[in-house]
Protein backbone atom coordinates (compact mmCIF):
# COMPACT_ATOMS: atom_id res chain seq x y z
CA MET A 1 -3.13 -140.34 95.83
CA LYS A 2 -1.76 -140.73 92.35
CA ASN A 3 0.64 -143.69 91.77
CA LYS A 4 4.24 -142.89 90.56
CA TYR A 5 5.00 -146.15 88.86
CA PHE A 6 1.70 -148.12 88.52
CA GLY A 7 -0.91 -147.25 85.88
CA THR A 8 -4.40 -148.82 85.37
CA ASP A 9 -2.90 -152.14 84.72
CA GLY A 10 0.50 -152.46 86.35
CA ILE A 11 3.73 -150.80 85.23
CA ARG A 12 4.20 -150.29 81.46
CA GLY A 13 6.37 -148.41 79.08
CA THR A 14 9.09 -148.44 76.37
CA VAL A 15 11.93 -150.87 76.94
CA ASN A 16 15.30 -149.34 78.04
CA GLN A 17 13.62 -146.15 78.85
CA GLY A 18 12.05 -144.65 82.06
CA ASN A 19 10.86 -147.39 84.30
CA ILE A 20 11.34 -150.23 81.93
CA THR A 21 15.11 -150.99 82.44
CA GLY A 22 17.08 -153.77 84.18
CA GLU A 23 17.96 -151.38 87.02
CA LYS A 24 14.31 -150.44 87.67
CA PHE A 25 13.13 -154.16 87.49
CA PHE A 26 15.73 -155.18 90.10
CA LYS A 27 14.15 -152.42 92.40
CA PHE A 28 10.65 -153.58 91.52
CA GLY A 29 11.47 -157.18 92.35
CA LEU A 30 13.27 -156.22 95.65
CA ALA A 31 10.42 -153.81 96.71
CA SER A 32 7.59 -156.16 95.91
CA GLY A 33 9.31 -159.09 97.37
CA THR A 34 10.07 -157.17 100.57
CA TYR A 35 6.33 -156.18 100.95
CA PHE A 36 4.99 -159.59 100.48
CA LYS A 37 7.61 -161.34 102.43
CA ASN A 38 6.52 -159.23 105.35
CA GLN A 39 2.90 -160.30 104.92
CA LYS A 40 3.67 -164.00 105.20
CA LYS A 41 6.49 -165.26 107.51
CA SER A 42 6.53 -168.88 106.64
CA LYS A 43 6.91 -169.67 102.87
CA GLN A 44 8.74 -167.11 100.82
CA VAL A 45 7.92 -167.78 97.24
CA ALA A 46 7.29 -165.67 94.12
CA ILE A 47 6.24 -167.05 90.72
CA ILE A 48 6.93 -165.28 87.46
CA ALA A 49 5.50 -165.83 83.99
CA LYS A 50 5.86 -163.68 80.81
CA ASP A 51 4.66 -163.11 77.31
CA THR A 52 6.81 -163.60 74.30
CA ARG A 53 8.69 -160.28 73.96
CA LEU A 54 12.36 -160.22 73.28
CA SER A 55 12.82 -157.80 76.12
CA GLY A 56 11.57 -160.51 78.58
CA TYR A 57 15.12 -162.03 78.40
CA THR A 58 16.48 -158.72 79.87
CA LEU A 59 13.84 -157.82 82.39
CA GLU A 60 13.10 -161.31 83.90
CA PRO A 61 16.74 -161.89 85.18
CA ALA A 62 16.72 -158.39 86.76
CA LEU A 63 13.36 -158.97 88.48
CA VAL A 64 14.51 -162.33 89.67
CA SER A 65 17.77 -160.85 90.97
CA GLY A 66 15.78 -158.26 93.04
CA LEU A 67 13.48 -160.95 94.58
CA VAL A 68 16.33 -163.29 95.42
CA SER A 69 18.30 -160.31 96.83
CA GLY A 70 15.41 -159.74 99.18
CA GLY A 71 15.15 -163.35 100.42
CA MET A 72 12.35 -164.64 98.03
CA HIS A 73 12.60 -168.12 96.38
CA VAL A 74 11.36 -167.82 92.72
CA PHE A 75 9.75 -170.19 90.26
CA THR A 76 9.87 -169.03 86.68
CA LEU A 77 7.25 -170.44 84.33
CA GLY A 78 8.08 -168.91 80.95
CA PRO A 79 5.27 -167.84 78.46
CA LEU A 80 1.93 -168.22 80.17
CA PRO A 81 -1.42 -166.27 79.89
CA THR A 82 -1.89 -163.68 82.69
CA ASN A 83 -4.69 -165.57 84.37
CA GLY A 84 -2.77 -168.83 84.33
CA LEU A 85 -0.15 -166.91 86.47
CA ALA A 86 -2.86 -165.68 88.74
CA MET A 87 -4.39 -169.23 89.09
CA LEU A 88 -1.02 -170.82 89.78
CA THR A 89 -0.08 -168.07 92.35
CA LYS A 90 -3.09 -169.07 94.38
CA SER A 91 -2.95 -172.93 93.80
CA MET A 92 0.77 -172.99 94.63
CA LYS A 93 0.21 -170.82 97.71
CA ALA A 94 2.91 -168.44 96.69
CA ASN A 95 3.39 -164.99 98.40
CA MET A 96 3.04 -163.29 95.02
CA GLY A 97 2.89 -163.58 91.33
CA ILE A 98 4.48 -161.34 88.69
CA MET A 99 3.50 -161.36 84.94
CA ILE A 100 6.07 -159.71 82.71
CA THR A 101 3.99 -158.15 79.86
CA ALA A 102 2.78 -155.12 78.13
CA SER A 103 -0.46 -156.72 77.14
CA HIS A 104 -1.74 -155.44 73.85
CA ASN A 105 1.04 -152.97 73.20
CA PRO A 106 3.68 -153.41 70.47
CA TYR A 107 6.93 -155.44 71.16
CA HIS A 108 9.04 -152.33 72.05
CA ASP A 109 7.01 -152.00 75.17
CA ASN A 110 7.03 -154.19 78.30
CA GLY A 111 6.00 -154.06 81.96
CA LEU A 112 4.59 -156.06 84.80
CA LYS A 113 1.40 -156.96 86.54
CA LEU A 114 1.49 -157.90 90.28
CA PHE A 115 -0.72 -160.44 91.95
CA GLY A 116 -1.21 -161.15 95.61
CA PRO A 117 -1.40 -164.62 97.20
CA ASP A 118 -5.13 -164.67 96.45
CA GLY A 119 -4.54 -164.31 92.65
CA MET A 120 -5.96 -160.76 92.74
CA LYS A 121 -4.39 -157.70 91.27
CA LEU A 122 -3.18 -155.20 93.80
CA SER A 123 -5.34 -152.33 95.37
CA ASN A 124 -3.94 -148.73 94.84
CA LYS A 125 -3.20 -148.86 98.65
CA ILE A 126 -0.83 -151.72 98.30
CA GLU A 127 0.68 -150.30 95.14
CA ASN A 128 1.45 -147.09 97.02
CA LYS A 129 3.19 -149.06 99.85
CA ILE A 130 5.42 -150.98 97.22
CA GLU A 131 6.09 -147.66 95.53
CA LYS A 132 7.49 -146.31 98.87
CA LEU A 133 9.86 -149.32 99.07
CA ILE A 134 10.94 -148.85 95.39
CA ASP A 135 12.15 -145.38 96.36
CA ALA A 136 13.59 -146.42 99.76
CA LYS A 137 17.27 -147.26 100.37
CA ILE A 138 18.05 -150.66 98.75
CA THR A 139 20.43 -151.66 101.53
CA ARG A 140 17.46 -151.76 104.09
CA GLN A 141 15.85 -154.47 101.97
CA LEU A 142 18.82 -156.60 101.00
CA THR A 143 18.91 -159.88 103.01
CA ASN A 144 21.66 -161.72 104.81
CA PRO A 145 23.83 -163.81 102.32
CA LYS A 146 22.78 -167.01 104.03
CA LEU A 147 19.10 -166.17 103.40
CA LEU A 148 19.26 -165.41 99.73
CA GLY A 149 16.44 -166.98 97.68
CA ARG A 150 16.86 -169.82 95.10
CA VAL A 151 15.48 -169.97 91.57
CA LYS A 152 13.95 -172.86 89.77
CA ARG A 153 12.34 -173.12 86.29
CA LEU A 154 8.99 -175.03 86.06
CA GLU A 155 8.23 -176.38 82.51
CA ASP A 156 4.72 -177.58 83.21
CA GLY A 157 3.14 -174.19 83.94
CA ASN A 158 0.78 -174.37 80.88
CA ASP A 159 -0.20 -177.99 81.63
CA LYS A 160 -1.17 -176.99 85.19
CA TYR A 161 -3.15 -174.02 83.75
CA ILE A 162 -5.00 -176.24 81.26
CA LYS A 163 -5.88 -178.74 84.05
CA ILE A 164 -7.50 -176.01 86.12
CA LEU A 165 -9.39 -174.67 83.26
CA ARG A 166 -10.85 -178.10 82.40
CA LYS A 167 -11.91 -178.79 85.94
CA ASN A 168 -14.50 -176.01 85.48
CA PHE A 169 -16.42 -177.85 82.93
CA PRO A 170 -18.15 -181.29 82.66
CA LYS A 171 -15.93 -184.19 81.77
CA ASN A 172 -18.22 -184.86 78.70
CA PHE A 173 -17.57 -181.40 77.32
CA TYR A 174 -16.03 -181.76 73.94
CA LEU A 175 -15.87 -179.66 70.79
CA ARG A 176 -15.96 -182.34 68.03
CA GLY A 177 -17.38 -180.91 64.89
CA THR A 178 -16.54 -177.42 65.67
CA LYS A 179 -14.22 -175.63 63.47
CA ILE A 180 -12.50 -172.53 65.18
CA VAL A 181 -10.17 -169.91 63.77
CA LEU A 182 -7.79 -168.94 66.70
CA ASP A 183 -5.47 -165.97 66.83
CA CYS A 184 -2.99 -165.91 69.74
CA ALA A 185 -1.39 -162.68 68.72
CA ASN A 186 2.10 -164.36 68.76
CA GLY A 187 1.83 -163.93 72.60
CA ALA A 188 1.48 -165.65 75.81
CA GLY A 189 -1.38 -168.00 74.91
CA TYR A 190 0.32 -169.51 71.78
CA LYS A 191 0.94 -172.80 73.69
CA ALA A 192 -2.01 -173.29 75.91
CA ALA A 193 -4.95 -172.11 73.66
CA PRO A 194 -4.34 -174.45 70.63
CA LYS A 195 -3.48 -177.24 72.79
CA LEU A 196 -6.66 -177.17 74.93
CA LEU A 197 -9.02 -176.58 71.96
CA LYS A 198 -7.53 -179.43 70.12
CA ASP A 199 -7.55 -181.64 73.16
CA LEU A 200 -11.34 -180.93 73.38
CA GLY A 201 -11.79 -182.14 69.78
CA ALA A 202 -12.11 -178.93 67.85
CA LYS A 203 -10.70 -178.43 64.49
CA VAL A 204 -8.41 -175.49 64.92
CA ILE A 205 -6.99 -173.14 62.32
CA SER A 206 -4.29 -171.43 64.44
CA LEU A 207 -2.89 -168.08 63.66
CA GLY A 208 -0.39 -165.93 65.62
CA ILE A 209 1.41 -168.98 67.29
CA ARG A 210 4.88 -168.34 65.89
CA PRO A 211 6.33 -165.70 68.27
CA ASN A 212 9.87 -164.38 67.31
CA GLY A 213 10.08 -161.79 70.17
CA LEU A 214 9.19 -158.95 67.81
CA ASN A 215 5.85 -159.93 66.22
CA ILE A 216 3.57 -159.90 69.37
CA ASN A 217 0.36 -157.99 68.55
CA ASP A 218 1.74 -157.10 65.08
CA LYS A 219 -1.36 -157.10 62.74
CA CYS A 220 -2.79 -159.85 64.79
CA GLY A 221 -4.62 -160.63 68.02
CA SER A 222 -7.64 -158.79 69.55
CA THR A 223 -6.53 -155.34 68.39
CA TYR A 224 -6.58 -156.58 64.74
CA PRO A 225 -9.78 -158.56 64.67
CA SER A 226 -10.31 -158.29 60.88
CA ARG A 227 -7.65 -161.15 60.68
CA ILE A 228 -10.03 -163.75 62.24
CA CYS A 229 -12.97 -162.27 60.36
CA SER A 230 -11.25 -163.01 56.97
CA ALA A 231 -10.08 -166.43 58.13
CA VAL A 232 -13.46 -167.49 59.41
CA LYS A 233 -15.08 -166.64 55.98
CA LYS A 234 -12.20 -168.29 54.21
CA PHE A 235 -12.19 -171.65 56.12
CA LYS A 236 -15.90 -171.59 56.67
CA ALA A 237 -15.50 -171.83 60.42
CA HIS A 238 -18.15 -171.72 63.04
CA VAL A 239 -16.46 -169.03 65.19
CA GLY A 240 -13.26 -166.87 65.48
CA ILE A 241 -11.41 -166.28 68.61
CA SER A 242 -8.76 -163.56 69.16
CA PHE A 243 -6.49 -162.96 72.15
CA ASP A 244 -4.20 -160.14 73.03
CA GLY A 245 -0.43 -160.45 73.93
CA ASP A 246 -0.99 -161.87 77.42
CA ALA A 247 -4.31 -163.58 76.54
CA ASP A 248 -6.34 -161.72 79.16
CA ARG A 249 -8.53 -160.13 76.59
CA ILE A 250 -10.75 -161.73 73.99
CA ILE A 251 -12.54 -160.50 70.83
CA MET A 252 -14.56 -162.97 68.71
CA CYS A 253 -16.27 -163.05 65.39
CA ASP A 254 -19.38 -165.11 64.41
CA GLU A 255 -19.62 -167.47 61.30
CA LYS A 256 -20.50 -164.49 59.04
CA GLY A 257 -17.26 -162.72 59.96
CA LYS A 258 -18.96 -160.05 62.17
CA ILE A 259 -16.87 -158.88 65.09
CA ILE A 260 -18.08 -159.69 68.63
CA ASP A 261 -16.67 -157.35 71.18
CA GLY A 262 -16.55 -157.80 75.06
CA ASP A 263 -19.95 -156.00 75.58
CA GLN A 264 -21.81 -158.51 73.46
CA ILE A 265 -20.09 -161.48 75.08
CA ILE A 266 -20.99 -160.10 78.62
CA ALA A 267 -24.64 -159.68 77.52
CA MET A 268 -24.89 -163.23 76.30
CA LEU A 269 -23.28 -164.65 79.48
CA ALA A 270 -25.43 -162.43 81.83
CA GLN A 271 -28.58 -163.72 80.06
CA ARG A 272 -27.43 -167.44 80.09
CA TRP A 273 -26.08 -167.30 83.64
CA ARG A 274 -29.29 -165.75 84.90
CA SER A 275 -31.37 -168.47 83.22
CA LYS A 276 -29.06 -171.14 84.78
CA LYS A 277 -29.24 -169.27 88.08
CA ILE A 278 -25.50 -168.89 88.09
CA LEU A 279 -25.44 -165.10 87.90
CA LYS A 280 -24.84 -163.52 91.28
CA GLY A 281 -25.97 -159.88 91.85
CA GLY A 282 -25.59 -158.48 88.40
CA VAL A 283 -23.01 -157.09 85.89
CA ILE A 284 -20.18 -154.56 86.40
CA GLY A 285 -19.03 -152.60 83.19
CA THR A 286 -16.93 -149.58 82.82
CA LEU A 287 -17.21 -146.05 81.68
CA MET A 288 -16.47 -147.35 78.05
CA SER A 289 -19.27 -149.84 78.11
CA ASN A 290 -21.76 -149.21 75.30
CA TYR A 291 -25.05 -147.71 76.42
CA GLY A 292 -26.82 -150.41 74.34
CA LEU A 293 -25.44 -152.95 76.96
CA GLU A 294 -26.86 -150.93 79.83
CA THR A 295 -30.24 -150.59 78.12
CA PHE A 296 -30.39 -154.37 77.30
CA LEU A 297 -29.52 -155.36 80.97
CA LYS A 298 -32.13 -152.97 82.27
CA LYS A 299 -34.83 -154.56 80.11
CA GLU A 300 -33.69 -157.98 81.26
CA LYS A 301 -33.97 -156.57 84.85
CA ILE A 302 -30.29 -157.44 85.43
CA LYS A 303 -28.40 -154.97 87.69
CA PHE A 304 -25.66 -153.01 85.99
CA PHE A 305 -23.03 -150.66 87.40
CA ARG A 306 -20.06 -148.96 85.85
CA SER A 307 -16.48 -148.82 87.32
CA LYS A 308 -13.38 -146.87 86.30
CA VAL A 309 -11.64 -148.26 83.15
CA GLY A 310 -9.37 -151.21 83.78
CA ASP A 311 -10.15 -154.82 84.75
CA LYS A 312 -8.54 -154.25 88.18
CA TYR A 313 -11.36 -151.75 89.04
CA VAL A 314 -14.05 -154.04 87.54
CA LYS A 315 -12.91 -156.72 89.78
CA GLU A 316 -12.72 -154.44 92.85
CA LYS A 317 -16.38 -153.26 92.31
CA MET A 318 -17.38 -157.00 91.71
CA LYS A 319 -15.95 -157.96 94.98
CA LYS A 320 -17.50 -154.98 96.84
CA LEU A 321 -21.07 -155.76 95.46
CA ASN A 322 -20.62 -159.56 95.43
CA PHE A 323 -21.19 -159.78 91.61
CA ASN A 324 -19.67 -162.64 89.69
CA LEU A 325 -19.65 -161.15 86.11
CA GLY A 326 -17.91 -158.00 84.72
CA GLY A 327 -15.71 -156.68 82.05
CA GLU A 328 -14.85 -154.24 79.33
CA GLN A 329 -15.76 -153.74 75.79
CA SER A 330 -12.09 -154.39 74.79
CA GLY A 331 -12.48 -157.93 75.93
CA HIS A 332 -11.26 -158.05 79.55
CA ILE A 333 -13.93 -160.17 80.94
CA ILE A 334 -13.92 -161.51 84.59
CA LEU A 335 -15.79 -164.70 85.29
CA GLY A 336 -15.94 -164.38 89.02
CA LYS A 337 -17.34 -168.03 89.31
CA PHE A 338 -13.96 -169.21 87.88
CA ALA A 339 -11.17 -166.45 87.77
CA THR A 340 -9.77 -163.42 89.66
CA THR A 341 -8.82 -161.49 86.50
CA GLY A 342 -9.53 -161.39 82.80
CA ASP A 343 -8.90 -164.68 80.90
CA GLY A 344 -9.46 -164.88 77.25
CA LEU A 345 -9.19 -168.68 77.19
CA MET A 346 -11.66 -169.24 80.05
CA VAL A 347 -14.20 -166.86 78.36
CA ALA A 348 -13.76 -168.71 75.04
CA LEU A 349 -14.49 -171.98 76.75
CA GLU A 350 -17.61 -170.55 78.36
CA VAL A 351 -18.92 -169.22 75.09
CA LEU A 352 -18.04 -172.51 73.28
CA PHE A 353 -19.82 -174.37 75.98
CA SER A 354 -22.82 -172.39 75.08
CA LEU A 355 -22.40 -173.15 71.38
CA ARG A 356 -21.97 -176.78 71.80
CA LYS A 357 -25.56 -177.67 70.88
CA ARG A 358 -24.83 -176.44 67.37
CA LYS A 359 -26.22 -172.95 67.96
CA LYS A 360 -24.91 -170.40 65.43
CA ALA A 361 -22.61 -167.81 66.91
CA SER A 362 -24.48 -165.10 65.00
CA LYS A 363 -27.59 -165.98 66.92
CA LEU A 364 -25.93 -166.57 70.32
CA LEU A 365 -23.60 -163.56 70.27
CA ASN A 366 -25.52 -160.61 68.72
CA VAL A 367 -27.54 -160.07 71.83
CA PHE A 368 -28.30 -156.33 71.76
CA LYS A 369 -28.26 -153.50 69.20
CA PRO A 370 -25.19 -151.33 70.23
CA LEU A 371 -25.53 -147.49 70.29
CA PRO A 372 -23.45 -146.16 67.45
CA GLN A 373 -20.09 -145.43 68.89
CA ILE A 374 -16.58 -144.12 67.77
CA LEU A 375 -13.37 -144.91 69.78
CA GLU A 376 -10.44 -142.74 68.81
CA ASN A 377 -6.97 -143.24 70.37
CA ILE A 378 -4.85 -140.17 69.76
CA THR A 379 -1.02 -140.46 70.37
CA VAL A 380 0.34 -137.51 72.36
CA LYS A 381 3.75 -136.34 73.66
CA ASP A 382 2.35 -135.47 77.01
CA LYS A 383 -0.91 -136.92 78.39
CA ASP A 384 -1.56 -133.90 80.57
CA ILE A 385 -2.62 -132.05 77.40
CA ILE A 386 -6.05 -133.27 78.56
CA ASN A 387 -5.94 -130.81 81.51
CA ARG A 388 -5.10 -127.74 79.34
CA THR A 389 -7.61 -124.99 78.69
CA LYS A 390 -7.73 -125.67 74.95
CA CYS A 391 -8.76 -129.36 75.47
CA LYS A 392 -11.14 -128.64 78.38
CA ASN A 393 -13.00 -125.88 76.32
CA ALA A 394 -13.32 -128.42 73.39
CA VAL A 395 -14.74 -131.12 75.60
CA LYS A 396 -17.23 -128.47 76.96
CA LYS A 397 -18.12 -127.49 73.46
CA ALA A 398 -18.62 -131.12 72.34
CA ASN A 399 -20.77 -131.86 75.32
CA LYS A 400 -22.88 -128.73 74.78
CA LEU A 401 -23.39 -129.84 71.11
CA MET A 402 -24.26 -133.32 72.11
CA SER A 403 -26.73 -132.14 74.76
CA ASN A 404 -28.99 -135.15 75.81
CA GLU A 405 -28.41 -137.02 72.52
CA GLY A 406 -25.52 -139.20 73.66
CA ARG A 407 -22.39 -139.56 75.75
CA ILE A 408 -18.82 -138.36 75.61
CA LEU A 409 -15.78 -139.61 77.49
CA VAL A 410 -12.28 -138.25 77.16
CA ARG A 411 -9.43 -139.91 79.27
CA LYS A 412 -5.83 -140.54 79.44
CA SER A 413 -4.75 -144.08 78.62
CA GLY A 414 -3.39 -145.82 81.69
CA THR A 415 -1.06 -147.94 79.48
CA GLU A 416 0.10 -145.93 76.50
CA PRO A 417 0.97 -142.31 75.52
CA LYS A 418 -2.58 -141.76 74.25
CA ILE A 419 -5.72 -139.88 74.81
CA ARG A 420 -8.83 -142.02 74.37
CA ILE A 421 -11.88 -140.37 73.01
CA MET A 422 -15.30 -142.29 73.14
CA VAL A 423 -18.46 -140.70 71.68
CA GLU A 424 -21.78 -142.57 71.28
CA SER A 425 -25.15 -141.34 69.93
CA TYR A 426 -27.86 -142.50 67.60
CA ASN A 427 -26.98 -139.33 65.50
CA LYS A 428 -23.90 -140.48 63.58
CA ASN A 429 -23.05 -137.08 62.08
CA LEU A 430 -23.11 -135.57 65.63
CA ILE A 431 -20.55 -138.26 66.79
CA LEU A 432 -18.22 -137.29 64.00
CA LYS A 433 -18.54 -133.56 64.77
CA CYS A 434 -17.84 -134.09 68.54
CA VAL A 435 -14.83 -136.36 67.84
CA ASN A 436 -13.42 -133.82 65.49
CA ILE A 437 -13.75 -131.00 67.85
CA ILE A 438 -11.84 -132.76 70.60
CA LYS A 439 -9.14 -134.24 68.20
CA LYS A 440 -8.26 -130.72 67.04
CA SER A 441 -7.58 -129.55 70.60
CA LEU A 442 -5.06 -132.25 71.03
CA ARG A 443 -2.84 -131.04 68.22
CA TYR A 444 0.10 -129.00 69.35
């Protein structure tokens, strides 16, 4: 059953339009609070974190109002990485956690990601149940005036998150002598990431740490990795690290300024974890994972399976198969040994821990030769254009042209008004032909 409100990664859209209004967020808070309150009768607590978007000041109070109206007590944490919210939801034994964010989208978008008491993103089944409550009569969910929730601001959310991260590494783990270019995308990681890396002794050149509510992901962060590449070469750093707006993605670059995507990081970790006997089961990628990663893992005799696109689906498959490593090319990487969802800072620490013996990032992180690939994101008015005859015929034509020389994937974005086209093959001219055939079919 298709969700009405939830996409591949929560609820997302343009602020003050559609689902991203104060009125809707009141309903989201009331409905989700009602659902989780019914799952746990004793403690009725929700915790809320957010990224740095200006619209957070509008949407957070509405969300809080909905939760409190349903009888939930609320702790607000302010700007905090998404996995920090997930970790604290679990450690504080809250009923639920809500992250107000639109991840890598521009400032004019916002949304939310919901987490259960186990720190996990919700299954489609639970999302469907919450959606029914969103559309139900509000009066049935409003609590008795005596039972209204209370609200408290916690100022130490980032400190608690950092403390949990540090516990996962040896006490003698330090980064003295390591020079790092860090880009926090003017987003949720702008406090925690520089502080933790500096506390570990690294020399940090920080970019994207001056959010003003409007500059999140603006020519910075993981969707604009050329910024860290230039800075690494300029400052002669050992490595570059770039997060997205809610810091659940990571893209890196080596000391030569070469971009390192999620697939390369996953390959390195899989190889290292296997040698350390940490790897459990194998690796979960997605339909977008480069075929070069699959080939590499096959040669290494490491099991590899693909899930639907979205770190929620990666985690579900990891849980089902009892694997502890998975992720996406875009930089959503889940370290099942440590986290329940993607965490850019956690992955950065794991990579830096591998680099601590003065290994060069270019040697450590360029693990396999990727199959040449083009990713195109086409903005459209209506994403259902993908189901129209013109587009379907174009995809068939491209697949026929590609034959057995590569792979084509055309899908709707679950978070933006875009159609995503992925084509990979050793034949670069063939890639361009196939992409152009599909792109033309998406023009009105």
